[in-house]
Amino acid sequence: GFVFDAIKVTGDDSTDTILKMCRSRCDVSYVITWGSIL
């Protein structure tokens, strides 16, 4: 599957947005992000 969203450049919404993306699928066992600073 796929999931999409957007965050603000220089914002502080990446954590909340990633949480929302992950909650769209209850069957995931881990999360990987490319980078800790987006």
Full PDB file with SEQRES, HELIX, SHEET, SSBOND, CRYST1, ORIGX, SCALE, CONECT and MASTER records, all heavy atoms in Angstrom:
SEQRES   1 A   38  GLY PHE VAL PHE ASP ALA ILE LYS VAL THR GLY ASP ASP          
SEQRES   2 A   38  SER THR ASP THR ILE LEU LYS MET CYS ARG SER ARG CYS          
SEQRES   3 A   38  ASP VAL SER TYR VAL ILE THR TRP GLY SER ILE LEU              
HELIX    1 AA1 SER A   14  ARG A   23  1                                  10    
CRYST1    1.000    1.000    1.000  90.00  90.00  90.00 P 1           1          
ORIGX1      1.000000  0.000000  0.000000        0.00000                         
ORIGX2      0.000000  1.000000  0.000000        0.00000                         
ORIGX3      0.000000  0.000000  1.000000        0.00000                         
SCALE1      1.000000  0.000000  0.000000        0.00000                         
SCALE2      0.000000  1.000000  0.000000        0.00000                         
SCALE3      0.000000  0.000000  1.000000        0.00000                         
ATOM      1  N   GLY A   1       0.802  -1.213   0.000  1.00  0.00           N  
ATOM      2  CA  GLY A   1       0.000   0.000   0.000  1.00  0.00           C  
ATOM      3  C   GLY A   1       0.833   1.260   0.000  1.00  0.00           C  
ATOM      4  O   GLY A   1       2.061   1.217   0.084  1.00  0.00           O  
ATOM      5  N   PHE A   2       0.105   2.386  -0.107  1.00  0.00           N  
ATOM      6  CA  PHE A   2       0.710   3.707  -0.135  1.00  0.00           C  
ATOM      7  C   PHE A   2      -0.088   4.647   0.755  1.00  0.00           C  
ATOM      8  O   PHE A   2      -1.274   4.449   0.963  1.00  0.00           O  
ATOM      9  CB  PHE A   2       0.662   4.317  -1.551  1.00  0.00           C  
ATOM     10  CG  PHE A   2       1.196   3.444  -2.626  1.00  0.00           C  
ATOM     11  CD1 PHE A   2       0.342   2.657  -3.397  1.00  0.00           C  
ATOM     12  CD2 PHE A   2       2.551   3.413  -2.898  1.00  0.00           C  
ATOM     13  CE1 PHE A   2       0.828   1.861  -4.410  1.00  0.00           C  
ATOM     14  CE2 PHE A   2       3.050   2.614  -3.908  1.00  0.00           C  
ATOM     15  CZ  PHE A   2       2.189   1.833  -4.666  1.00  0.00           C  
ATOM     16  N   VAL A   3       0.569   5.696   1.209  1.00  0.00           N  
ATOM     17  CA  VAL A   3      -0.106   6.757   1.940  1.00  0.00           C  
ATOM     18  C   VAL A   3       0.653   8.054   1.645  1.00  0.00           C  
ATOM     19  O   VAL A   3       1.869   8.034   1.465  1.00  0.00           O  
ATOM     20  CB  VAL A   3      -0.194   6.442   3.459  1.00  0.00           C  
ATOM     21  CG1 VAL A   3       1.160   6.332   4.096  1.00  0.00           C  
ATOM     22  CG2 VAL A   3      -1.079   7.409   4.176  1.00  0.00           C  
ATOM     23  N   PHE A   4      -0.086   9.169   1.565  1.00  0.00           N  
ATOM     24  CA  PHE A   4       0.516  10.442   1.193  1.00  0.00           C  
ATOM     25  C   PHE A   4       0.045  11.543   2.129  1.00  0.00           C  
ATOM     26  O   PHE A   4      -1.051  11.489   2.674  1.00  0.00           O  
ATOM     27  CB  PHE A   4       0.105  10.833  -0.243  1.00  0.00           C  
ATOM     28  CG  PHE A   4       0.335   9.740  -1.230  1.00  0.00           C  
ATOM     29  CD1 PHE A   4      -0.709   8.934  -1.649  1.00  0.00           C  
ATOM     30  CD2 PHE A   4       1.596   9.514  -1.739  1.00  0.00           C  
ATOM     31  CE1 PHE A   4      -0.508   7.917  -2.552  1.00  0.00           C  
ATOM     32  CE2 PHE A   4       1.816   8.495  -2.647  1.00  0.00           C  
ATOM     33  CZ  PHE A   4       0.762   7.699  -3.055  1.00  0.00           C  
ATOM     34  N   ASP A   5       0.885  12.572   2.244  1.00  0.00           N  
ATOM     35  CA  ASP A   5       0.503  13.770   2.981  1.00  0.00           C  
ATOM     36  C   ASP A   5       1.505  14.862   2.649  1.00  0.00           C  
ATOM     37  O   ASP A   5       2.354  14.680   1.774  1.00  0.00           O  
ATOM     38  CB  ASP A   5       0.447  13.513   4.490  1.00  0.00           C  
ATOM     39  CG  ASP A   5      -0.662  14.313   5.173  1.00  0.00           C  
ATOM     40  OD1 ASP A   5      -0.794  15.517   4.858  1.00  0.00           O  
ATOM     41  OD2 ASP A   5      -1.380  13.746   6.004  1.00  0.00           O  
ATOM     42  N   ALA A   6       1.416  15.978   3.348  1.00  0.00           N  
ATOM     43  CA  ALA A   6       2.335  17.095   3.144  1.00  0.00           C  
ATOM     44  C   ALA A   6       2.653  17.727   4.486  1.00  0.00           C  
ATOM     45  O   ALA A   6       1.846  17.663   5.424  1.00  0.00           O  
ATOM     46  CB  ALA A   6       1.710  18.128   2.210  1.00  0.00           C  
ATOM     47  N   ILE A   7       3.836  18.311   4.587  1.00  0.00           N  
ATOM     48  CA  ILE A   7       4.234  19.052   5.776  1.00  0.00           C  
ATOM     49  C   ILE A   7       4.739  20.424   5.343  1.00  0.00           C  
ATOM     50  O   ILE A   7       5.059  20.644   4.175  1.00  0.00           O  
ATOM     51  CB  ILE A   7       5.323  18.320   6.594  1.00  0.00           C  
ATOM     52  CG1 ILE A   7       6.570  18.048   5.743  1.00  0.00           C  
ATOM     53  CG2 ILE A   7       4.778  17.054   7.201  1.00  0.00           C  
ATOM     54  CD1 ILE A   7       7.735  17.463   6.523  1.00  0.00           C  
ATOM     55  N   LYS A   8       4.807  21.335   6.307  1.00  0.00           N  
ATOM     56  CA  LYS A   8       5.280  22.688   6.022  1.00  0.00           C  
ATOM     57  C   LYS A   8       6.804  22.718   5.975  1.00  0.00           C  
ATOM     58  O   LYS A   8       7.462  22.154   6.855  1.00  0.00           O  
ATOM     59  CB  LYS A   8       4.807  23.652   7.109  1.00  0.00           C  
ATOM     60  CG  LYS A   8       3.316  23.811   7.170  1.00  0.00           C  
ATOM     61  CD  LYS A   8       2.935  24.729   8.321  1.00  0.00           C  
ATOM     62  CE  LYS A   8       1.443  24.674   8.503  1.00  0.00           C  
ATOM     63  NZ  LYS A   8       1.049  24.419   9.867  1.00  0.00           N  
ATOM     64  N   VAL A   9       7.339  23.368   4.963  1.00  0.00           N  
ATOM     65  CA  VAL A   9       8.778  23.596   4.909  1.00  0.00           C  
ATOM     66  C   VAL A   9       9.125  24.569   6.028  1.00  0.00           C  
ATOM     67  O   VAL A   9       8.449  25.584   6.206  1.00  0.00           O  
ATOM     68  CB  VAL A   9       9.199  24.143   3.526  1.00  0.00           C  
ATOM     69  CG1 VAL A   9      10.675  24.525   3.513  1.00  0.00           C  
ATOM     70  CG2 VAL A   9       8.899  23.124   2.436  1.00  0.00           C  
ATOM     71  N   THR A  10      10.122  24.241   6.817  1.00  0.00           N  
ATOM     72  CA  THR A  10      10.568  24.946   8.033  1.00  0.00           C  
ATOM     73  C   THR A  10       9.516  24.915   9.143  1.00  0.00           C  
ATOM     74  O   THR A  10       9.616  25.677  10.100  1.00  0.00           O  
ATOM     75  CB  THR A  10      11.003  26.421   7.771  1.00  0.00           C  
ATOM     76  OG1 THR A  10       9.858  27.203   7.452  1.00  0.00           O  
ATOM     77  CG2 THR A  10      12.055  26.519   6.704  1.00  0.00           C  
ATOM     78  N   GLY A  11       8.545  24.012   9.042  1.00  0.00           N  
ATOM     79  CA  GLY A  11       7.485  23.926  10.044  1.00  0.00           C  
ATOM     80  C   GLY A  11       7.867  23.035  11.206  1.00  0.00           C  
ATOM     81  O   GLY A  11       9.020  22.678  11.409  1.00  0.00           O  
ATOM     82  N   ASP A  12       6.832  22.632  11.952  1.00  0.00           N  
ATOM     83  CA  ASP A  12       7.027  21.722  13.079  1.00  0.00           C  
ATOM     84  C   ASP A  12       5.922  20.666  13.115  1.00  0.00           C  
ATOM     85  O   ASP A  12       5.552  20.181  14.175  1.00  0.00           O  
ATOM     86  CB  ASP A  12       7.092  22.494  14.396  1.00  0.00           C  
ATOM     87  CG  ASP A  12       5.822  23.283  14.688  1.00  0.00           C  
ATOM     88  OD1 ASP A  12       4.885  23.249  13.864  1.00  0.00           O  
ATOM     89  OD2 ASP A  12       5.763  23.919  15.747  1.00  0.00           O  
ATOM     90  N   ASP A  13       5.443  20.299  11.933  1.00  0.00           N  
ATOM     91  CA  ASP A  13       4.310  19.371  11.841  1.00  0.00           C  
ATOM     92  C   ASP A  13       4.675  17.974  11.354  1.00  0.00           C  
ATOM     93  O   ASP A  13       3.797  17.150  11.140  1.00  0.00           O  
ATOM     94  CB  ASP A  13       3.224  19.964  10.945  1.00  0.00           C  
ATOM     95  CG  ASP A  13       3.717  20.299   9.541  1.00  0.00           C  
ATOM     96  OD1 ASP A  13       4.946  20.411   9.344  1.00  0.00           O  
ATOM     97  OD2 ASP A  13       2.874  20.456   8.642  1.00  0.00           O  
ATOM     98  N   SER A  14       5.963  17.665  11.212  1.00  0.00           N  
ATOM     99  CA  SER A  14       6.336  16.355  10.662  1.00  0.00           C  
ATOM    100  C   SER A  14       5.917  15.206  11.567  1.00  0.00           C  
ATOM    101  O   SER A  14       5.400  14.197  11.092  1.00  0.00           O  
ATOM    102  CB  SER A  14       7.833  16.288  10.366  1.00  0.00           C  
ATOM    103  OG  SER A  14       8.592  16.431  11.541  1.00  0.00           O  
ATOM    104  N   THR A  15       6.100  15.346  12.868  1.00  0.00           N  
ATOM    105  CA  THR A  15       5.756  14.259  13.788  1.00  0.00           C  
ATOM    106  C   THR A  15       4.261  13.956  13.743  1.00  0.00           C  
ATOM    107  O   THR A  15       3.855  12.792  13.595  1.00  0.00           O  
ATOM    108  CB  THR A  15       6.204  14.613  15.220  1.00  0.00           C  
ATOM    109  OG1 THR A  15       7.626  14.796  15.217  1.00  0.00           O  
ATOM    110  CG2 THR A  15       5.833  13.517  16.201  1.00  0.00           C  
ATOM    111  N   ASP A  16       3.422  14.982  13.850  1.00  0.00           N  
ATOM    112  CA  ASP A  16       1.972  14.779  13.823  1.00  0.00           C  
ATOM    113  C   ASP A  16       1.506  14.219  12.480  1.00  0.00           C  
ATOM    114  O   ASP A  16       0.623  13.360  12.431  1.00  0.00           O  
ATOM    115  CB  ASP A  16       1.232  16.081  14.119  1.00  0.00           C  
ATOM    116  CG  ASP A  16       1.389  16.519  15.565  1.00  0.00           C  
ATOM    117  OD1 ASP A  16       1.678  15.661  16.426  1.00  0.00           O  
ATOM    118  OD2 ASP A  16       1.227  17.725  15.834  1.00  0.00           O  
ATOM    119  N   THR A  17       2.106  14.692  11.396  1.00  0.00           N  
ATOM    120  CA  THR A  17       1.706  14.209  10.069  1.00  0.00           C  
ATOM    121  C   THR A  17       2.103  12.752   9.885  1.00  0.00           C  
ATOM    122  O   THR A  17       1.320  11.950   9.370  1.00  0.00           O  
ATOM    123  CB  THR A  17       2.333  15.095   8.973  1.00  0.00           C  
ATOM    124  OG1 THR A  17       1.914  16.445   9.179  1.00  0.00           O  
ATOM    125  CG2 THR A  17       1.911  14.630   7.591  1.00  0.00           C  
ATOM    126  N   ILE A  18       3.292  12.388  10.323  1.00  0.00           N  
ATOM    127  CA  ILE A  18       3.726  10.991  10.219  1.00  0.00           C  
ATOM    128  C   ILE A  18       2.837  10.096  11.077  1.00  0.00           C  
ATOM    129  O   ILE A  18       2.456   8.997  10.652  1.00  0.00           O  
ATOM    130  CB  ILE A  18       5.218  10.853  10.572  1.00  0.00           C  
ATOM    131  CG1 ILE A  18       6.057  11.488   9.453  1.00  0.00           C  
ATOM    132  CG2 ILE A  18       5.601   9.389  10.788  1.00  0.00           C  
ATOM    133  CD1 ILE A  18       7.536  11.631   9.780  1.00  0.00           C  
ATOM    134  N   LEU A  19       2.466  10.564  12.260  1.00  0.00           N  
ATOM    135  CA  LEU A  19       1.529   9.790  13.094  1.00  0.00           C  
ATOM    136  C   LEU A  19       0.214   9.563  12.361  1.00  0.00           C  
ATOM    137  O   LEU A  19      -0.324   8.450  12.362  1.00  0.00           O  
ATOM    138  CB  LEU A  19       1.272  10.507  14.419  1.00  0.00           C  
ATOM    139  CG  LEU A  19       2.285  10.269  15.512  1.00  0.00           C  
ATOM    140  CD1 LEU A  19       2.090  11.261  16.657  1.00  0.00           C  
ATOM    141  CD2 LEU A  19       2.205   8.840  16.010  1.00  0.00           C  
ATOM    142  N   LYS A  20      -0.308  10.603  11.738  1.00  0.00           N  
ATOM    143  CA  LYS A  20      -1.563  10.482  10.988  1.00  0.00           C  
ATOM    144  C   LYS A  20      -1.409   9.479   9.839  1.00  0.00           C  
ATOM    145  O   LYS A  20      -2.296   8.635   9.616  1.00  0.00           O  
ATOM    146  CB  LYS A  20      -1.984  11.848  10.463  1.00  0.00           C  
ATOM    147  CG  LYS A  20      -3.326  11.835   9.741  1.00  0.00           C  
ATOM    148  CD  LYS A  20      -3.775  13.239   9.395  1.00  0.00           C  
ATOM    149  CE  LYS A  20      -2.987  13.751   8.222  1.00  0.00           C  
ATOM    150  NZ  LYS A  20      -3.497  14.997   7.651  1.00  0.00           N  
ATOM    151  N   MET A  21      -0.300   9.536   9.134  1.00  0.00           N  
ATOM    152  CA  MET A  21      -0.061   8.607   8.024  1.00  0.00           C  
ATOM    153  C   MET A  21      -0.011   7.165   8.530  1.00  0.00           C  
ATOM    154  O   MET A  21      -0.589   6.265   7.921  1.00  0.00           O  
ATOM    155  CB  MET A  21       1.249   8.954   7.308  1.00  0.00           C  
ATOM    156  CG  MET A  21       1.211  10.275   6.566  1.00  0.00           C  
ATOM    157  SD  MET A  21       2.839  10.790   5.960  1.00  0.00           S  
ATOM    158  CE  MET A  21       3.046   9.662   4.561  1.00  0.00           C  
ATOM    159  N   CYS A  22       0.656   6.966   9.647  1.00  0.00           N  
ATOM    160  CA  CYS A  22       0.794   5.611  10.197  1.00  0.00           C  
ATOM    161  C   CYS A  22      -0.524   5.075  10.740  1.00  0.00           C  
ATOM    162  O   CYS A  22      -0.807   3.877  10.642  1.00  0.00           O  
ATOM    163  CB  CYS A  22       1.849   5.598  11.299  1.00  0.00           C  
ATOM    164  SG  CYS A  22       3.510   5.942  10.701  1.00  0.00           S  
ATOM    165  N   ARG A  23      -1.331   5.945  11.295  1.00  0.00           N  
ATOM    166  CA  ARG A  23      -2.614   5.505  11.867  1.00  0.00           C  
ATOM    167  C   ARG A  23      -3.620   5.108  10.794  1.00  0.00           C  
ATOM    168  O   ARG A  23      -4.640   4.497  11.095  1.00  0.00           O  
ATOM    169  CB  ARG A  23      -3.180   6.594  12.769  1.00  0.00           C  
ATOM    170  CG  ARG A  23      -2.431   6.685  14.076  1.00  0.00           C  
ATOM    171  CD  ARG A  23      -3.028   7.685  15.020  1.00  0.00           C  
ATOM    172  NE  ARG A  23      -2.339   7.626  16.305  1.00  0.00           N  
ATOM    173  CZ  ARG A  23      -1.899   8.684  16.952  1.00  0.00           C  
ATOM    174  NH1 ARG A  23      -2.088   9.900  16.462  1.00  0.00           N  
ATOM    175  NH2 ARG A  23      -1.282   8.543  18.100  1.00  0.00           N  
ATOM    176  N   SER A  24      -3.326   5.457   9.537  1.00  0.00           N  
ATOM    177  CA  SER A  24      -4.222   5.033   8.460  1.00  0.00           C  
ATOM    178  C   SER A  24      -4.115   3.525   8.206  1.00  0.00           C  
ATOM    179  O   SER A  24      -4.962   2.956   7.537  1.00  0.00           O  
ATOM    180  CB  SER A  24      -3.914   5.807   7.171  1.00  0.00           C  
ATOM    181  OG  SER A  24      -2.672   5.401   6.622  1.00  0.00           O  
ATOM    182  N   ARG A  25      -3.087   2.907   8.758  1.00  0.00           N  
ATOM    183  CA  ARG A  25      -2.896   1.460   8.647  1.00  0.00           C  
ATOM    184  C   ARG A  25      -2.615   0.909  10.031  1.00  0.00           C  
ATOM    185  O   ARG A  25      -1.611   1.250  10.640  1.00  0.00           O  
ATOM    186  CB  ARG A  25      -1.708   1.148   7.736  1.00  0.00           C  
ATOM    187  CG  ARG A  25      -1.916   1.417   6.280  1.00  0.00           C  
ATOM    188  CD  ARG A  25      -2.866   0.414   5.634  1.00  0.00           C  
ATOM    189  NE  ARG A  25      -2.380  -0.923   5.679  1.00  0.00           N  
ATOM    190  CZ  ARG A  25      -1.942  -1.600   4.629  1.00  0.00           C  
ATOM    191  NH1 ARG A  25      -1.920  -1.026   3.445  1.00  0.00           N  
ATOM    192  NH2 ARG A  25      -1.532  -2.829   4.750  1.00  0.00           N  
ATOM    193  N   CYS A  26      -3.485   0.057  10.525  1.00  0.00           N  
ATOM    194  CA  CYS A  26      -3.300  -0.479  11.871  1.00  0.00           C  
ATOM    195  C   CYS A  26      -2.429  -1.730  11.890  1.00  0.00           C  
ATOM    196  O   CYS A  26      -2.147  -2.268  12.953  1.00  0.00           O  
ATOM    197  CB  CYS A  26      -4.650  -0.774  12.514  1.00  0.00           C  
ATOM    198  SG  CYS A  26      -5.612  -2.006  11.616  1.00  0.00           S  
ATOM    199  N   ASP A  27      -1.992  -2.191  10.710  1.00  0.00           N  
ATOM    200  CA  ASP A  27      -1.251  -3.443  10.647  1.00  0.00           C  
ATOM    201  C   ASP A  27       0.249  -3.275  10.471  1.00  0.00           C  
ATOM    202  O   ASP A  27       0.951  -4.232  10.174  1.00  0.00           O  
ATOM    203  CB  ASP A  27      -1.802  -4.322   9.520  1.00  0.00           C  
ATOM    204  CG  ASP A  27      -1.703  -3.666   8.148  1.00  0.00           C  
ATOM    205  OD1 ASP A  27      -1.450  -2.446   8.069  1.00  0.00           O  
ATOM    206  OD2 ASP A  27      -1.888  -4.377   7.142  1.00  0.00           O  
ATOM    207  N   VAL A  28       0.791  -2.066  10.693  1.00  0.00           N  
ATOM    208  CA  VAL A  28       2.232  -1.888  10.549  1.00  0.00           C  
ATOM    209  C   VAL A  28       2.936  -2.171  11.870  1.00  0.00           C  
ATOM    210  O   VAL A  28       2.423  -1.860  12.948  1.00  0.00           O  
ATOM    211  CB  VAL A  28       2.609  -0.489  10.006  1.00  0.00           C  
ATOM    212  CG1 VAL A  28       2.090  -0.308   8.597  1.00  0.00           C  
ATOM    213  CG2 VAL A  28       2.146   0.617  10.902  1.00  0.00           C  
ATOM    214  N   SER A  29       4.110  -2.785  11.769  1.00  0.00           N  
ATOM    215  CA  SER A  29       4.881  -3.178  12.946  1.00  0.00           C  
ATOM    216  C   SER A  29       6.078  -2.287  13.208  1.00  0.00           C  
ATOM    217  O   SER A  29       6.740  -2.424  14.231  1.00  0.00           O  
ATOM    218  CB  SER A  29       5.377  -4.618  12.787  1.00  0.00           C  
ATOM    219  OG  SER A  29       4.285  -5.498  12.682  1.00  0.00           O  
ATOM    220  N   TYR A  30       6.404  -1.409  12.274  1.00  0.00           N  
ATOM    221  CA  TYR A  30       7.514  -0.480  12.453  1.00  0.00           C  
ATOM    222  C   TYR A  30       7.373   0.679  11.472  1.00  0.00           C  
ATOM    223  O   TYR A  30       6.634   0.597  10.498  1.00  0.00           O  
ATOM    224  CB  TYR A  30       8.878  -1.157  12.282  1.00  0.00           C  
ATOM    225  CG  TYR A  30       9.091  -1.783  10.930  1.00  0.00           C  
ATOM    226  CD1 TYR A  30       9.630  -1.041   9.869  1.00  0.00           C  
ATOM    227  CD2 TYR A  30       8.776  -3.118  10.696  1.00  0.00           C  
ATOM    228  CE1 TYR A  30       9.826  -1.607   8.619  1.00  0.00           C  
ATOM    229  CE2 TYR A  30       8.976  -3.687   9.455  1.00  0.00           C  
ATOM    230  CZ  TYR A  30       9.501  -2.934   8.429  1.00  0.00           C  
ATOM    231  OH  TYR A  30       9.693  -3.492   7.188  1.00  0.00           O  
ATOM    232  N   VAL A  31       8.106   1.755  11.760  1.00  0.00           N  
ATOM    233  CA  VAL A  31       8.129   2.948  10.911  1.00  0.00           C  
ATOM    234  C   VAL A  31       9.587   3.267  10.614  1.00  0.00           C  
ATOM    235  O   VAL A  31      10.431   3.216  11.516  1.00  0.00           O  
ATOM    236  CB  VAL A  31       7.487   4.162  11.615  1.00  0.00           C  
ATOM    237  CG1 VAL A  31       7.567   5.408  10.727  1.00  0.00           C  
ATOM    238  CG2 VAL A  31       6.056   3.875  12.022  1.00  0.00           C  
ATOM    239  N   ILE A  32       9.867   3.603   9.358  1.00  0.00           N  
ATOM    240  CA  ILE A  32      11.193   4.092   8.971  1.00  0.00           C  
ATOM    241  C   ILE A  32      11.001   5.408   8.241  1.00  0.00           C  
ATOM    242  O   ILE A  32      10.153   5.498   7.349  1.00  0.00           O  
ATOM    243  CB  ILE A  32      11.936   3.105   8.052  1.00  0.00           C  
ATOM    244  CG1 ILE A  32      12.106   1.743   8.712  1.00  0.00           C  
ATOM    245  CG2 ILE A  32      13.303   3.674   7.656  1.00  0.00           C  
ATOM    246  CD1 ILE A  32      12.738   0.685   7.802  1.00  0.00           C  
ATOM    247  N   THR A  33      11.764   6.417   8.628  1.00  0.00           N  
ATOM    248  CA  THR A  33      11.744   7.675   7.888  1.00  0.00           C  
ATOM    249  C   THR A  33      13.123   7.904   7.289  1.00  0.00           C  
ATOM    250  O   THR A  33      14.137   7.496   7.868  1.00  0.00           O  
ATOM    251  CB  THR A  33      11.383   8.882   8.783  1.00  0.00           C  
ATOM    252  OG1 THR A  33      12.391   9.067   9.775  1.00  0.00           O  
ATOM    253  CG2 THR A  33      10.024   8.688   9.430  1.00  0.00           C  
ATOM    254  N   TRP A  34      13.145   8.544   6.118  1.00  0.00           N  
ATOM    255  CA  TRP A  34      14.416   8.915   5.520  1.00  0.00           C  
ATOM    256  C   TRP A  34      14.786  10.282   6.088  1.00  0.00           C  
ATOM    257  O   TRP A  34      14.382  11.313   5.592  1.00  0.00           O  
ATOM    258  CB  TRP A  34      14.319   8.939   3.998  1.00  0.00           C  
ATOM    259  CG  TRP A  34      15.622   9.270   3.333  1.00  0.00           C  
ATOM    260  CD1 TRP A  34      15.899  10.404   2.625  1.00  0.00           C  
ATOM    261  CD2 TRP A  34      16.814   8.489   3.314  1.00  0.00           C  
ATOM    262  NE1 TRP A  34      17.199  10.357   2.175  1.00  0.00           N  
ATOM    263  CE2 TRP A  34      17.786   9.200   2.580  1.00  0.00           C  
ATOM    264  CE3 TRP A  34      17.162   7.251   3.859  1.00  0.00           C  
ATOM    265  CZ2 TRP A  34      19.075   8.717   2.367  1.00  0.00           C  
ATOM    266  CZ3 TRP A  34      18.451   6.770   3.641  1.00  0.00           C  
ATOM    267  CH2 TRP A  34      19.383   7.499   2.909  1.00  0.00           C  
ATOM    268  N   GLY A  35      15.496  10.237   7.200  1.00  0.00           N  
ATOM    269  CA  GLY A  35      15.948  11.440   7.870  1.00  0.00           C  
ATOM    270  C   GLY A  35      15.184  11.733   9.140  1.00  0.00           C  
ATOM    271  O   GLY A  35      14.027  11.333   9.296  1.00  0.00           O  
ATOM    272  N   SER A  36      15.854  12.404  10.053  1.00  0.00           N  
ATOM    273  CA  SER A  36      15.217  12.865  11.283  1.00  0.00           C  
ATOM    274  C   SER A  36      14.911  14.357  11.207  1.00  0.00           C  
ATOM    275  O   SER A  36      14.197  14.885  12.053  1.00  0.00           O  
ATOM    276  CB  SER A  36      16.105  12.570  12.497  1.00  0.00           C  
ATOM    277  OG  SER A  36      17.372  13.186  12.332  1.00  0.00           O  
ATOM    278  N   ILE A  37      15.457  15.023  10.201  1.00  0.00           N  
ATOM    279  CA  ILE A  37      15.170  16.435   9.963  1.00  0.00           C  
ATOM    280  C   ILE A  37      14.683  16.543   8.528  1.00  0.00           C  
ATOM    281  O   ILE A  37      15.429  16.292   7.584  1.00  0.00           O  
ATOM    282  CB  ILE A  37      16.414  17.320  10.167  1.00  0.00           C  
ATOM    283  CG1 ILE A  37      16.984  17.141  11.574  1.00  0.00           C  
ATOM    284  CG2 ILE A  37      16.061  18.782   9.907  1.00  0.00           C  
ATOM    285  CD1 ILE A  37      18.290  17.875  11.802  1.00  0.00           C  
ATOM    286  N   LEU A  38      13.420  16.895   8.371  1.00  0.00           N  
ATOM    287  CA  LEU A  38      12.819  17.023   7.047  1.00  0.00           C  
ATOM    288  C   LEU A  38      12.602  18.497   6.724  1.00  0.00           C  
ATOM    289  O   LEU A  38      12.559  19.338   7.628  1.00  0.00           O  
ATOM    290  CB  LEU A  38      11.479  16.275   7.005  1.00  0.00           C  
ATOM    291  CG  LEU A  38      11.487  14.804   7.406  1.00  0.00           C  
ATOM    292  CD1 LEU A  38      10.072  14.237   7.372  1.00  0.00           C  
ATOM    293  CD2 LEU A  38      12.420  13.996   6.523  1.00  0.00           C  
TER     294      LEU A  38                                                      
MASTER        0    0    0    1    0    0    0    6  293    1    0    3          
END                                                                             
